[in-house]
C-alpha atoms as a PDB file:
ATOM      1  CA  UNK A   1      30.869   7.359  58.009  1.00  0.00           C
ATOM      2  CA  UNK A   2      32.821   9.916  56.360  1.00  0.00           C
ATOM      3  CA  UNK A   3      32.986   8.600  53.332  1.00  0.00           C
ATOM      4  CA  UNK A   4      29.864   7.641  53.505  1.00  0.00           C
ATOM      5  CA  UNK A   5      28.829  10.856  54.002  1.00  0.00           C
ATOM      6  CA  UNK A   6      31.338  12.188  50.832  1.00  0.00           C
ATOM      7  CA  UNK A   7      29.798   9.539  48.343  1.00  0.00           C
ATOM      8  CA  UNK A   8      25.783  10.576  49.198  1.00  0.00           C
ATOM      9  CA  UNK A   9      27.590  14.253  49.030  1.00  0.00           C
ATOM     10  CA  UNK A  10      28.898  13.356  45.095  1.00  0.00           C
ATOM     11  CA  UNK A  11      25.798  11.474  44.345  1.00  0.00           C
ATOM     12  CA  UNK A  12      23.603  14.571  45.354  1.00  0.00           C
ATOM     13  CA  UNK A  13      25.636  16.524  43.318  1.00  0.00           C
ATOM     14  CA  UNK A  14      25.273  14.716  40.069  1.00  0.00           C
ATOM     15  CA  UNK A  15      21.872  14.265  40.464  1.00  0.00           C
ATOM     16  CA  UNK A  16      21.431  17.648  41.161  1.00  0.00           C
ATOM     17  CA  UNK A  17      23.306  18.611  37.807  1.00  0.00           C
ATOM     18  CA  UNK A  18      20.667  16.925  35.964  1.00  0.00           C
ATOM     19  CA  UNK A  19      18.392  19.283  37.237  1.00  0.00           C
ATOM     20  CA  UNK A  20      20.541  22.489  37.221  1.00  0.00           C
ATOM     21  CA  UNK A  21      21.483  22.199  33.203  1.00  0.00           C
ATOM     22  CA  UNK A  22      17.704  21.715  32.719  1.00  0.00           C
ATOM     23  CA  UNK A  23      17.228  25.010  34.944  1.00  0.00           C
ATOM     24  CA  UNK A  24      19.825  26.758  33.082  1.00  0.00           C
ATOM     25  CA  UNK A  25      18.328  25.311  29.593  1.00  0.00           C
ATOM     26  CA  UNK A  26      15.364  26.612  29.966  1.00  0.00           C
ATOM     27  CA  UNK A  27      16.612  29.821  31.340  1.00  0.00           C
ATOM     28  CA  UNK A  28      18.533  30.673  28.231  1.00  0.00           C
ATOM     29  CA  UNK A  29      17.099  28.607  25.475  1.00  0.00           C
ATOM     30  CA  UNK A  30      13.886  28.231  25.814  1.00  0.00           C
ATOM     31  CA  UNK A  31      12.702  31.182  26.999  1.00  0.00           C
ATOM     32  CA  UNK A  32      13.638  33.227  23.959  1.00  0.00           C
ATOM     33  CA  UNK A  33      12.749  30.299  21.515  1.00  0.00           C
ATOM     34  CA  UNK A  34       9.478  30.202  22.917  1.00  0.00           C
ATOM     35  CA  UNK A  35       8.754  33.832  22.571  1.00  0.00           C
ATOM     36  CA  UNK A  36       9.595  33.752  18.438  1.00  0.00           C
ATOM     37  CA  UNK A  37       6.917  31.245  18.233  1.00  0.00           C
ATOM     38  CA  UNK A  38       3.036  31.791  17.284  1.00  0.00           C
ATOM     39  CA  UNK A  39       0.808  30.677  19.961  1.00  0.00           C
ATOM     40  CA  UNK A  40       0.180  26.942  18.483  1.00  0.00           C
ATOM     41  CA  UNK A  41       3.863  26.052  18.086  1.00  0.00           C
ATOM     42  CA  UNK A  42       4.508  27.529  21.052  1.00  0.00           C
ATOM     43  CA  UNK A  43       1.716  25.522  23.245  1.00  0.00           C
ATOM     44  CA  UNK A  44       2.798  22.360  21.462  1.00  0.00           C
ATOM     45  CA  UNK A  45       6.172  22.919  21.848  1.00  0.00           C
ATOM     46  CA  UNK A  46       5.886  23.814  26.286  1.00  0.00           C
ATOM     47  CA  UNK A  47       3.409  21.184  26.700  1.00  0.00           C
ATOM     48  CA  UNK A  48       5.463  18.165  24.972  1.00  0.00           C
ATOM     49  CA  UNK A  49       8.578  19.465  27.335  1.00  0.00           C
ATOM     50  CA  UNK A  50       6.714  19.798  30.175  1.00  0.00           C
ATOM     51  CA  UNK A  51       5.014  16.160  29.660  1.00  0.00           C
ATOM     52  CA  UNK A  52       8.541  14.564  29.104  1.00  0.00           C
ATOM     53  CA  UNK A  53      10.443  16.216  31.889  1.00  0.00           C
ATOM     54  CA  UNK A  54       7.469  16.140  34.508  1.00  0.00           C
ATOM     55  CA  UNK A  55       7.647  12.393  33.500  1.00  0.00           C
ATOM     56  CA  UNK A  56      11.418  11.846  34.036  1.00  0.00           C
ATOM     57  CA  UNK A  57      13.087  14.524  36.198  1.00  0.00           C
ATOM     58  CA  UNK A  58      11.600  13.653  39.439  1.00  0.00           C
ATOM     59  CA  UNK A  59      13.987  10.405  39.273  1.00  0.00           C
ATOM     60  CA  UNK A  60      16.880  12.968  39.571  1.00  0.00           C
ATOM     61  CA  UNK A  61      15.164  15.611  41.588  1.00  0.00           C
ATOM     62  CA  UNK A  62      14.161  12.866  44.723  1.00  0.00           C
ATOM     63  CA  UNK A  63      17.934  11.345  44.232  1.00  0.00           C
ATOM     64  CA  UNK A  64      19.502  14.973  44.462  1.00  0.00           C
ATOM     65  CA  UNK A  65      17.644  16.265  47.847  1.00  0.00           C
ATOM     66  CA  UNK A  66      17.370  12.377  49.493  1.00  0.00           C
ATOM     67  CA  UNK A  67      21.474  12.860  48.764  1.00  0.00           C
ATOM     68  CA  UNK A  68      21.815  15.570  50.312  1.00  0.00           C
ATOM     69  CA  UNK A  69      19.586  14.909  53.429  1.00  0.00           C
ATOM     70  CA  UNK A  70      21.705  11.470  53.720  1.00  0.00           C
ATOM     71  CA  UNK A  71      25.056  13.312  53.551  1.00  0.00           C
ATOM     72  CA  UNK A  72      23.845  15.873  56.248  1.00  0.00           C
ATOM     73  CA  UNK A  73      23.073  13.164  58.509  1.00  0.00           C
ATOM     74  CA  UNK A  74      25.671  11.187  58.062  1.00  0.00           C
ATOM     75  CA  UNK A  75      28.388  13.863  58.307  1.00  0.00           C
ATOM     76  CA  UNK A  76      26.506  14.926  61.695  1.00  0.00           C
ATOM     77  CA  UNK A  77      27.137  11.293  63.024  1.00  0.00           C
ATOM     78  CA  UNK A  78      30.339  11.061  61.346  1.00  0.00           C
ATOM     79  CA  UNK A  79      31.005  14.398  64.025  1.00  0.00           C
ATOM     80  CA  UNK A  80      31.861  16.807  60.894  1.00  0.00           C
ATOM     81  CA  UNK A  81      30.338  19.577  61.516  1.00  0.00           C
ATOM     82  CA  UNK A  82      30.845  21.552  58.838  1.00  0.00           C
ATOM     83  CA  UNK A  83      30.127  18.772  56.281  1.00  0.00           C
ATOM     84  CA  UNK A  84      26.610  18.790  57.660  1.00  0.00           C
ATOM     85  CA  UNK A  85      25.974  22.157  57.606  1.00  0.00           C
ATOM     86  CA  UNK A  86      27.182  22.401  53.749  1.00  0.00           C
ATOM     87  CA  UNK A  87      24.860  19.202  53.489  1.00  0.00           C
ATOM     88  CA  UNK A  88      22.046  21.050  55.055  1.00  0.00           C
ATOM     89  CA  UNK A  89      22.112  23.996  53.130  1.00  0.00           C
ATOM     90  CA  UNK A  90      21.997  22.389  50.102  1.00  0.00           C
ATOM     91  CA  UNK A  91      18.835  20.298  51.449  1.00  0.00           C
ATOM     92  CA  UNK A  92      17.638  23.567  51.937  1.00  0.00           C
ATOM     93  CA  UNK A  93      18.168  25.240  49.248  1.00  0.00           C
ATOM     94  CA  UNK A  94      16.650  21.570  47.033  1.00  0.00           C
ATOM     95  CA  UNK A  95      13.710  21.902  49.012  1.00  0.00           C
ATOM     96  CA  UNK A  96      12.888  25.806  48.663  1.00  0.00           C
ATOM     97  CA  UNK A  97      13.340  24.717  44.675  1.00  0.00           C
ATOM     98  CA  UNK A  98      10.578  21.982  45.099  1.00  0.00           C
ATOM     99  CA  UNK A  99       8.138  24.511  46.628  1.00  0.00           C
ATOM    100  CA  UNK A 100       8.458  26.762  44.351  1.00  0.00           C
ATOM    101  CA  UNK A 101       8.612  23.966  41.243  1.00  0.00           C
ATOM    102  CA  UNK A 102       5.249  22.584  42.863  1.00  0.00           C
ATOM    103  CA  UNK A 103       3.460  25.579  43.874  1.00  0.00           C
ATOM    104  CA  UNK A 104       4.146  27.900  40.827  1.00  0.00           C
ATOM    105  CA  UNK A 105       5.424  25.633  38.047  1.00  0.00           C
ATOM    106  CA  UNK A 106       3.739  22.246  38.239  1.00  0.00           C
ATOM    107  CA  UNK A 107       0.072  23.400  37.332  1.00  0.00           C
ATOM    108  CA  UNK A 108       1.639  25.087  35.018  1.00  0.00           C
ATOM    109  CA  UNK A 109       3.407  22.566  33.468  1.00  0.00           C
ATOM    110  CA  UNK A 110      -0.294  20.449  33.692  1.00  0.00           C
ATOM    111  CA  UNK A 111      -2.268  22.714  32.086  1.00  0.00           C
ATOM    112  CA  UNK A 112       0.108  23.433  28.814  1.00  0.00           C
ATOM    113  CA  UNK A 113       0.682  19.348  28.671  1.00  0.00           C
ATOM    114  CA  UNK A 114      -3.095  18.877  28.262  1.00  0.00           C
ATOM    115  CA  UNK A 115      -3.660  21.880  26.083  1.00  0.00           C
ATOM    116  CA  UNK A 116      -1.015  20.342  24.080  1.00  0.00           C
ATOM    117  CA  UNK A 117      -2.764  16.969  24.156  1.00  0.00           C
ATOM    118  CA  UNK A 118      -5.864  18.395  23.272  1.00  0.00           C
ATOM    119  CA  UNK A 119      -4.305  20.482  20.921  1.00  0.00           C
ATOM    120  CA  UNK A 120      -6.100  23.817  22.103  1.00  0.00           C
ATOM    121  CA  UNK A 121      -5.098  27.053  22.709  1.00  0.00           C
ATOM    122  CA  UNK A 122      -5.796  28.610  26.459  1.00  0.00           C
ATOM    123  CA  UNK A 123      -6.521  31.905  26.231  1.00  0.00           C
ATOM    124  CA  UNK A 124      -4.124  32.876  28.979  1.00  0.00           C
ATOM    125  CA  UNK A 125      -1.226  30.466  27.455  1.00  0.00           C
ATOM    126  CA  UNK A 126       1.398  33.469  27.382  1.00  0.00           C
ATOM    127  CA  UNK A 127       0.777  34.411  30.898  1.00  0.00           C
ATOM    128  CA  UNK A 128       1.201  31.336  31.883  1.00  0.00           C
ATOM    129  CA  UNK A 129       3.858  30.984  30.543  1.00  0.00           C
ATOM    130  CA  UNK A 130       5.270  34.353  31.595  1.00  0.00           C
ATOM    131  CA  UNK A 131       4.587  33.178  35.470  1.00  0.00           C
ATOM    132  CA  UNK A 132       6.467  30.272  34.467  1.00  0.00           C
ATOM    133  CA  UNK A 133       9.296  32.348  33.599  1.00  0.00           C
ATOM    134  CA  UNK A 134       8.516  34.544  36.690  1.00  0.00           C
ATOM    135  CA  UNK A 135      10.650  31.835  38.789  1.00  0.00           C
ATOM    136  CA  UNK A 136      13.306  30.297  36.553  1.00  0.00           C
ATOM    137  CA  UNK A 137      15.955  32.948  37.909  1.00  0.00           C
ATOM    138  CA  UNK A 138      15.148  31.340  41.140  1.00  0.00           C
ATOM    139  CA  UNK A 139      15.513  27.866  40.606  1.00  0.00           C
ATOM    140  CA  UNK A 140      18.512  28.301  38.844  1.00  0.00           C
ATOM    141  CA  UNK A 141      20.412  30.401  41.639  1.00  0.00           C
ATOM    142  CA  UNK A 142      18.449  27.678  44.450  1.00  0.00           C
ATOM    143  CA  UNK A 143      19.983  24.904  42.211  1.00  0.00           C
ATOM    144  CA  UNK A 144      23.769  26.586  42.084  1.00  0.00           C
ATOM    145  CA  UNK A 145      23.481  27.505  45.722  1.00  0.00           C
ATOM    146  CA  UNK A 146      22.591  23.201  46.343  1.00  0.00           C
ATOM    147  CA  UNK A 147      25.522  22.308  43.716  1.00  0.00           C
ATOM    148  CA  UNK A 148      28.084  24.938  45.190  1.00  0.00           C
ATOM    149  CA  UNK A 149      27.541  23.961  49.156  1.00  0.00           C
ATOM    150  CA  UNK A 150      27.959  20.174  47.961  1.00  0.00           C
ATOM    151  CA  UNK A 151      30.777  20.633  45.668  1.00  0.00           C
ATOM    152  CA  UNK A 152      32.252  22.590  48.911  1.00  0.00           C
ATOM    153  CA  UNK A 153      31.584  19.648  51.188  1.00  0.00           C
ATOM    154  CA  UNK A 154      33.802  17.601  49.099  1.00  0.00           C
ATOM    155  CA  UNK A 155      36.318  20.367  49.424  1.00  0.00           C
ATOM    156  CA  UNK A 156      36.740  20.893  52.456  1.00  0.00           C
ATOM    157  CA  UNK A 157      37.482  16.690  53.911  1.00  0.00           C
END
């Protein structure tokens, strides 16, 4: 059962690394790049990026979250409390990340995606991006925490 838990923690770490890398890229590259674009180019770029991200990123996000939950459960059943607690902590970080995404980022993503598709520039386009940017640091921190806890699960066996 411990082997299963460690395999699930590894799967979770790999899936979370995809989301982590995407969020780090957004924080380090997209934010300053978007700031240098005119409003039309910004809405088109941001809208199209969010369109594809919202279509493709749920798979690694869900896989990482579900694998972390399963790893915590199987570690607990295998009577390995340290691994169970580490995986549960990773799960909590991932659920907090998901809450930020659902409540703040996803509605903004949808607005910018719709605007790009309609070739419109919302009057509040920059305010939307500022709101989106306001949580990217927390999203990166939560993904970092989850990855660190999952890797620690593997290290402390």
